[in-house]
Amino acid sequence: MKYNQLFAELTAAGCSVLKHGSNHDIWFSPLTGNRFPLPRHGGQEVPKGMERKARKVLLGE
């Protein structure tokens, strides 16, 4: 999965960006009340471990 696809999925689930850093965005999930940093790399692939962790923290999966 590419970063752009993950960002679209998180946005569709109701998550939002709290803060734009120089290399990372801090995402917030109203579903779980958690924050999670995700790097911005556009068209590159998201490492599997990072994708699983983001889903677990932000979407409660």
PDB file of N, CA and C in Angstrom:
ATOM      1  N   MET A   1       0.848  -1.171   0.000  1.00  0.00           N
ATOM      2  CA  MET A   1       0.000   0.000   0.000  1.00  0.00           C
ATOM      3  C   MET A   1       0.893   1.233   0.000  1.00  0.00           C
ATOM      4  N   LYS A   2       0.516   2.217  -0.771  1.00  0.00           N
ATOM      5  CA  LYS A   2       1.270   3.466  -0.832  1.00  0.00           C
ATOM      6  C   LYS A   2       0.772   4.428   0.242  1.00  0.00           C
ATOM      7  N   TYR A   3       1.619   5.392   0.603  1.00  0.00           N
ATOM      8  CA  TYR A   3       1.270   6.366   1.626  1.00  0.00           C
ATOM      9  C   TYR A   3       0.000   7.129   1.259  1.00  0.00           C
ATOM     10  N   ASN A   4      -0.132   7.508  -0.004  1.00  0.00           N
ATOM     11  CA  ASN A   4      -1.325   8.251  -0.425  1.00  0.00           C
ATOM     12  C   ASN A   4      -2.599   7.440  -0.198  1.00  0.00           C
ATOM     13  N   GLN A   5      -2.535   6.133  -0.449  1.00  0.00           N
ATOM     14  CA  GLN A   5      -3.691   5.271  -0.232  1.00  0.00           C
ATOM     15  C   GLN A   5      -4.015   5.166   1.256  1.00  0.00           C
ATOM     16  N   LEU A   6      -2.990   5.046   2.098  1.00  0.00           N
ATOM     17  CA  LEU A   6      -3.196   4.970   3.541  1.00  0.00           C
ATOM     18  C   LEU A   6      -3.808   6.269   4.058  1.00  0.00           C
ATOM     19  N   PHE A   7      -3.307   7.412   3.581  1.00  0.00           N
ATOM     20  CA  PHE A   7      -3.855   8.702   4.000  1.00  0.00           C
ATOM     21  C   PHE A   7      -5.329   8.814   3.615  1.00  0.00           C
ATOM     22  N   ALA A   8      -5.690   8.381   2.411  1.00  0.00           N
ATOM     23  CA  ALA A   8      -7.083   8.432   1.962  1.00  0.00           C
ATOM     24  C   ALA A   8      -7.956   7.534   2.820  1.00  0.00           C
ATOM     25  N   GLU A   9      -7.462   6.363   3.177  1.00  0.00           N
ATOM     26  CA  GLU A   9      -8.219   5.443   4.017  1.00  0.00           C
ATOM     27  C   GLU A   9      -8.425   6.011   5.423  1.00  0.00           C
ATOM     28  N   LEU A  10      -7.385   6.615   5.981  1.00  0.00           N
ATOM     29  CA  LEU A  10      -7.497   7.205   7.316  1.00  0.00           C
ATOM     30  C   LEU A  10      -8.480   8.376   7.311  1.00  0.00           C
ATOM     31  N   THR A  11      -8.418   9.200   6.287  1.00  0.00           N
ATOM     32  CA  THR A  11      -9.326  10.343   6.173  1.00  0.00           C
ATOM     33  C   THR A  11     -10.772   9.863   6.042  1.00  0.00           C
ATOM     34  N   ALA A  12     -10.989   8.821   5.256  1.00  0.00           N
ATOM     35  CA  ALA A  12     -12.335   8.284   5.083  1.00  0.00           C
ATOM     36  C   ALA A  12     -12.878   7.707   6.392  1.00  0.00           C
ATOM     37  N   ALA A  13     -11.985   7.242   7.275  1.00  0.00           N
ATOM     38  CA  ALA A  13     -12.399   6.678   8.562  1.00  0.00           C
ATOM     39  C   ALA A  13     -12.627   7.749   9.616  1.00  0.00           C
ATOM     40  N   GLY A  14     -12.398   9.021   9.256  1.00  0.00           N
ATOM     41  CA  GLY A  14     -12.646  10.113  10.190  1.00  0.00           C
ATOM     42  C   GLY A  14     -11.409  10.654  10.882  1.00  0.00           C
ATOM     43  N   CYS A  15     -10.250  10.100  10.584  1.00  0.00           N
ATOM     44  CA  CYS A  15      -9.004  10.583  11.177  1.00  0.00           C
ATOM     45  C   CYS A  15      -8.600  11.900  10.519  1.00  0.00           C
ATOM     46  N   SER A  16      -7.833  12.698  11.255  1.00  0.00           N
ATOM     47  CA  SER A  16      -7.408  13.982  10.705  1.00  0.00           C
ATOM     48  C   SER A  16      -5.979  14.286  11.123  1.00  0.00           C
ATOM     49  N   VAL A  17      -5.348  15.180  10.378  1.00  0.00           N
ATOM     50  CA  VAL A  17      -3.980  15.597  10.671  1.00  0.00           C
ATOM     51  C   VAL A  17      -4.037  16.723  11.704  1.00  0.00           C
ATOM     52  N   LEU A  18      -3.369  16.517  12.829  1.00  0.00           N
ATOM     53  CA  LEU A  18      -3.296  17.555  13.862  1.00  0.00           C
ATOM     54  C   LEU A  18      -2.197  18.554  13.569  1.00  0.00           C
ATOM     55  N   LYS A  19      -1.064  18.055  13.067  1.00  0.00           N
ATOM     56  CA  LYS A  19       0.104  18.910  12.897  1.00  0.00           C
ATOM     57  C   LYS A  19       0.947  18.395  11.743  1.00  0.00           C
ATOM     58  N   HIS A  20       1.455  19.319  10.950  1.00  0.00           N
ATOM     59  CA  HIS A  20       2.379  18.999   9.867  1.00  0.00           C
ATOM     60  C   HIS A  20       3.787  19.322  10.338  1.00  0.00           C
ATOM     61  N   GLY A  21       4.615  18.300  10.456  1.00  0.00           N
ATOM     62  CA  GLY A  21       6.017  18.520  10.777  1.00  0.00           C
ATOM     63  C   GLY A  21       6.807  18.649   9.497  1.00  0.00           C
ATOM     64  N   SER A  22       8.124  18.703   9.609  1.00  0.00           N
ATOM     65  CA  SER A  22       8.943  18.831   8.400  1.00  0.00           C
ATOM     66  C   SER A  22       8.929  17.539   7.581  1.00  0.00           C
ATOM     67  N   ASN A  23       8.895  16.391   8.239  1.00  0.00           N
ATOM     68  CA  ASN A  23       8.890  15.111   7.534  1.00  0.00           C
ATOM     69  C   ASN A  23       7.716  14.211   7.897  1.00  0.00           C
ATOM     70  N   HIS A  24       7.053  14.484   9.013  1.00  0.00           N
ATOM     71  CA  HIS A  24       5.973  13.637   9.495  1.00  0.00           C
ATOM     72  C   HIS A  24       4.715  14.465   9.766  1.00  0.00           C
ATOM     73  N   ASP A  25       3.573  13.791   9.658  1.00  0.00           N
ATOM     74  CA  ASP A  25       2.301  14.371  10.071  1.00  0.00           C
ATOM     75  C   ASP A  25       1.857  13.640  11.331  1.00  0.00           C
ATOM     76  N   ILE A  26       1.236  14.360  12.261  1.00  0.00           N
ATOM     77  CA  ILE A  26       0.667  13.741  13.447  1.00  0.00           C
ATOM     78  C   ILE A  26      -0.823  13.569  13.186  1.00  0.00           C
ATOM     79  N   TRP A  27      -1.284  12.330  13.141  1.00  0.00           N
ATOM     80  CA  TRP A  27      -2.674  12.011  12.876  1.00  0.00           C
ATOM     81  C   TRP A  27      -3.401  11.760  14.180  1.00  0.00           C
ATOM     82  N   PHE A  28      -4.685  12.130  14.222  1.00  0.00           N
ATOM     83  CA  PHE A  28      -5.536  11.900  15.383  1.00  0.00           C
ATOM     84  C   PHE A  28      -6.761  11.112  14.958  1.00  0.00           C
ATOM     85  N   SER A  29      -7.137  10.156  15.793  1.00  0.00           N
ATOM     86  CA  SER A  29      -8.321   9.354  15.525  1.00  0.00           C
ATOM     87  C   SER A  29      -9.388   9.633  16.560  1.00  0.00           C
ATOM     88  N   PRO A  30     -10.567  10.114  16.148  1.00  0.00           N
ATOM     89  CA  PRO A  30     -11.655  10.301  17.101  1.00  0.00           C
ATOM     90  C   PRO A  30     -12.242   8.965  17.569  1.00  0.00           C
ATOM     91  N   LEU A  31     -11.998   7.891  16.804  1.00  0.00           N
ATOM     92  CA  LEU A  31     -12.509   6.568  17.179  1.00  0.00           C
ATOM     93  C   LEU A  31     -11.803   6.031  18.424  1.00  0.00           C
ATOM     94  N   THR A  32     -10.483   6.196  18.473  1.00  0.00           N
ATOM     95  CA  THR A  32      -9.701   5.647  19.578  1.00  0.00           C
ATOM     96  C   THR A  32      -9.157   6.721  20.508  1.00  0.00           C
ATOM     97  N   GLY A  33      -9.132   7.973  20.053  1.00  0.00           N
ATOM     98  CA  GLY A  33      -8.580   9.054  20.860  1.00  0.00           C
ATOM     99  C   GLY A  33      -7.063   9.081  20.870  1.00  0.00           C
ATOM    100  N   ASN A  34      -6.432   8.343  19.965  1.00  0.00           N
ATOM    101  CA  ASN A  34      -4.971   8.251  19.899  1.00  0.00           C
ATOM    102  C   ASN A  34      -4.387   9.141  18.813  1.00  0.00           C
ATOM    103  N   ARG A  35      -3.101   9.445  19.004  1.00  0.00           N
ATOM    104  CA  ARG A  35      -2.320  10.177  17.998  1.00  0.00           C
ATOM    105  C   ARG A  35      -1.229   9.251  17.498  1.00  0.00           C
ATOM    106  N   PHE A  36      -0.814   9.469  16.241  1.00  0.00           N
ATOM    107  CA  PHE A  36       0.221   8.613  15.656  1.00  0.00           C
ATOM    108  C   PHE A  36       0.971   9.390  14.583  1.00  0.00           C
ATOM    109  N   PRO A  37       2.314   9.389  14.619  1.00  0.00           N
ATOM    110  CA  PRO A  37       3.086  10.076  13.573  1.00  0.00           C
ATOM    111  C   PRO A  37       3.248   9.188  12.339  1.00  0.00           C
ATOM    112  N   LEU A  38       3.021   9.772  11.181  1.00  0.00           N
ATOM    113  CA  LEU A  38       3.245   9.068   9.915  1.00  0.00           C
ATOM    114  C   LEU A  38       4.096   9.943   9.010  1.00  0.00           C
ATOM    115  N   PRO A  39       5.153   9.368   8.431  1.00  0.00           N
ATOM    116  CA  PRO A  39       5.976  10.144   7.505  1.00  0.00           C
ATOM    117  C   PRO A  39       5.213  10.424   6.212  1.00  0.00           C
ATOM    118  N   ARG A  40       5.608  11.474   5.518  1.00  0.00           N
ATOM    119  CA  ARG A  40       5.012  11.820   4.226  1.00  0.00           C
ATOM    120  C   ARG A  40       5.989  11.429   3.128  1.00  0.00           C
ATOM    121  N   HIS A  41       5.648  10.368   2.409  1.00  0.00           N
ATOM    122  CA  HIS A  41       6.505   9.942   1.309  1.00  0.00           C
ATOM    123  C   HIS A  41       5.709   9.681   0.035  1.00  0.00           C
ATOM    124  N   GLY A  42       4.508  10.218  -0.043  1.00  0.00           N
ATOM    125  CA  GLY A  42       3.705  10.200  -1.262  1.00  0.00           C
ATOM    126  C   GLY A  42       3.538   8.861  -1.928  1.00  0.00           C
ATOM    127  N   GLY A  43       4.222   8.650  -3.032  1.00  0.00           N
ATOM    128  CA  GLY A  43       4.038   7.466  -3.857  1.00  0.00           C
ATOM    129  C   GLY A  43       4.820   6.256  -3.423  1.00  0.00           C
ATOM    130  N   GLN A  44       5.595   6.349  -2.359  1.00  0.00           N
ATOM    131  CA  GLN A  44       6.373   5.196  -1.911  1.00  0.00           C
ATOM    132  C   GLN A  44       5.505   4.220  -1.131  1.00  0.00           C
ATOM    133  N   GLU A  45       5.978   2.994  -1.019  1.00  0.00           N
ATOM    134  CA  GLU A  45       5.259   1.961  -0.276  1.00  0.00           C
ATOM    135  C   GLU A  45       5.428   2.159   1.228  1.00  0.00           C
ATOM    136  N   VAL A  46       4.349   1.896   1.967  1.00  0.00           N
ATOM    137  CA  VAL A  46       4.380   1.946   3.426  1.00  0.00           C
ATOM    138  C   VAL A  46       4.924   0.600   3.914  1.00  0.00           C
ATOM    139  N   PRO A  47       5.922   0.600   4.801  1.00  0.00           N
ATOM    140  CA  PRO A  47       6.377  -0.679   5.357  1.00  0.00           C
ATOM    141  C   PRO A  47       5.220  -1.396   6.067  1.00  0.00           C
ATOM    142  N   LYS A  48       5.172  -2.723   5.939  1.00  0.00           N
ATOM    143  CA  LYS A  48       4.061  -3.504   6.484  1.00  0.00           C
ATOM    144  C   LYS A  48       3.877  -3.281   7.978  1.00  0.00           C
ATOM    145  N   GLY A  49       4.971  -3.228   8.737  1.00  0.00           N
ATOM    146  CA  GLY A  49       4.877  -3.029  10.174  1.00  0.00           C
ATOM    147  C   GLY A  49       4.265  -1.689  10.533  1.00  0.00           C
ATOM    148  N   MET A  50       4.650  -0.654   9.800  1.00  0.00           N
ATOM    149  CA  MET A  50       4.101   0.681  10.061  1.00  0.00           C
ATOM    150  C   MET A  50       2.614   0.734   9.711  1.00  0.00           C
ATOM    151  N   GLU A  51       2.237   0.083   8.636  1.00  0.00           N
ATOM    152  CA  GLU A  51       0.829   0.059   8.243  1.00  0.00           C
ATOM    153  C   GLU A  51      -0.010  -0.647   9.308  1.00  0.00           C
ATOM    154  N   ARG A  52       0.466  -1.795   9.799  1.00  0.00           N
ATOM    155  CA  ARG A  52      -0.263  -2.518  10.846  1.00  0.00           C
ATOM    156  C   ARG A  52      -0.386  -1.692  12.119  1.00  0.00           C
ATOM    157  N   LYS A  53       0.718  -1.033  12.530  1.00  0.00           N
ATOM    158  CA  LYS A  53       0.713  -0.225  13.747  1.00  0.00           C
ATOM    159  C   LYS A  53      -0.241   0.960  13.604  1.00  0.00           C
ATOM    160  N   ALA A  54      -0.227   1.638  12.462  1.00  0.00           N
ATOM    161  CA  ALA A  54      -1.122   2.770  12.238  1.00  0.00           C
ATOM    162  C   ALA A  54      -2.581   2.329  12.284  1.00  0.00           C
ATOM    163  N   ARG A  55      -2.885   1.198  11.666  1.00  0.00           N
ATOM    164  CA  ARG A  55      -4.262   0.676  11.699  1.00  0.00           C
ATOM    165  C   ARG A  55      -4.685   0.335  13.125  1.00  0.00           C
ATOM    166  N   LYS A  56      -3.782  -0.261  13.879  1.00  0.00           N
ATOM    167  CA  LYS A  56      -4.092  -0.657  15.247  1.00  0.00           C
ATOM    168  C   LYS A  56      -4.330   0.568  16.133  1.00  0.00           C
ATOM    169  N   VAL A  57      -3.441   1.556  16.035  1.00  0.00           N
ATOM    170  CA  VAL A  57      -3.531   2.739  16.892  1.00  0.00           C
ATOM    171  C   VAL A  57      -4.679   3.658  16.463  1.00  0.00           C
ATOM    172  N   LEU A  58      -4.822   3.899  15.168  1.00  0.00           N
ATOM    173  CA  LEU A  58      -5.791   4.894  14.701  1.00  0.00           C
ATOM    174  C   LEU A  58      -7.183   4.322  14.415  1.00  0.00           C
ATOM    175  N   LEU A  59      -7.243   3.082  13.957  1.00  0.00           N
ATOM    176  CA  LEU A  59      -8.537   2.520  13.585  1.00  0.00           C
ATOM    177  C   LEU A  59      -9.040   1.464  14.561  1.00  0.00           C
ATOM    178  N   GLY A  60      -8.194   1.068  15.500  1.00  0.00           N
ATOM    179  CA  GLY A  60      -8.599   0.080  16.491  1.00  0.00           C
ATOM    180  C   GLY A  60      -8.719  -1.331  15.931  1.00  0.00           C
ATOM    181  N   GLU A  61      -8.016  -1.621  14.852  1.00  0.00           N
ATOM    182  CA  GLU A  61      -8.086  -2.968  14.247  1.00  0.00           C
ATOM    183  C   GLU A  61      -7.141  -3.923  14.926  1.00  0.00           C
TER     184      GLU A  61
END
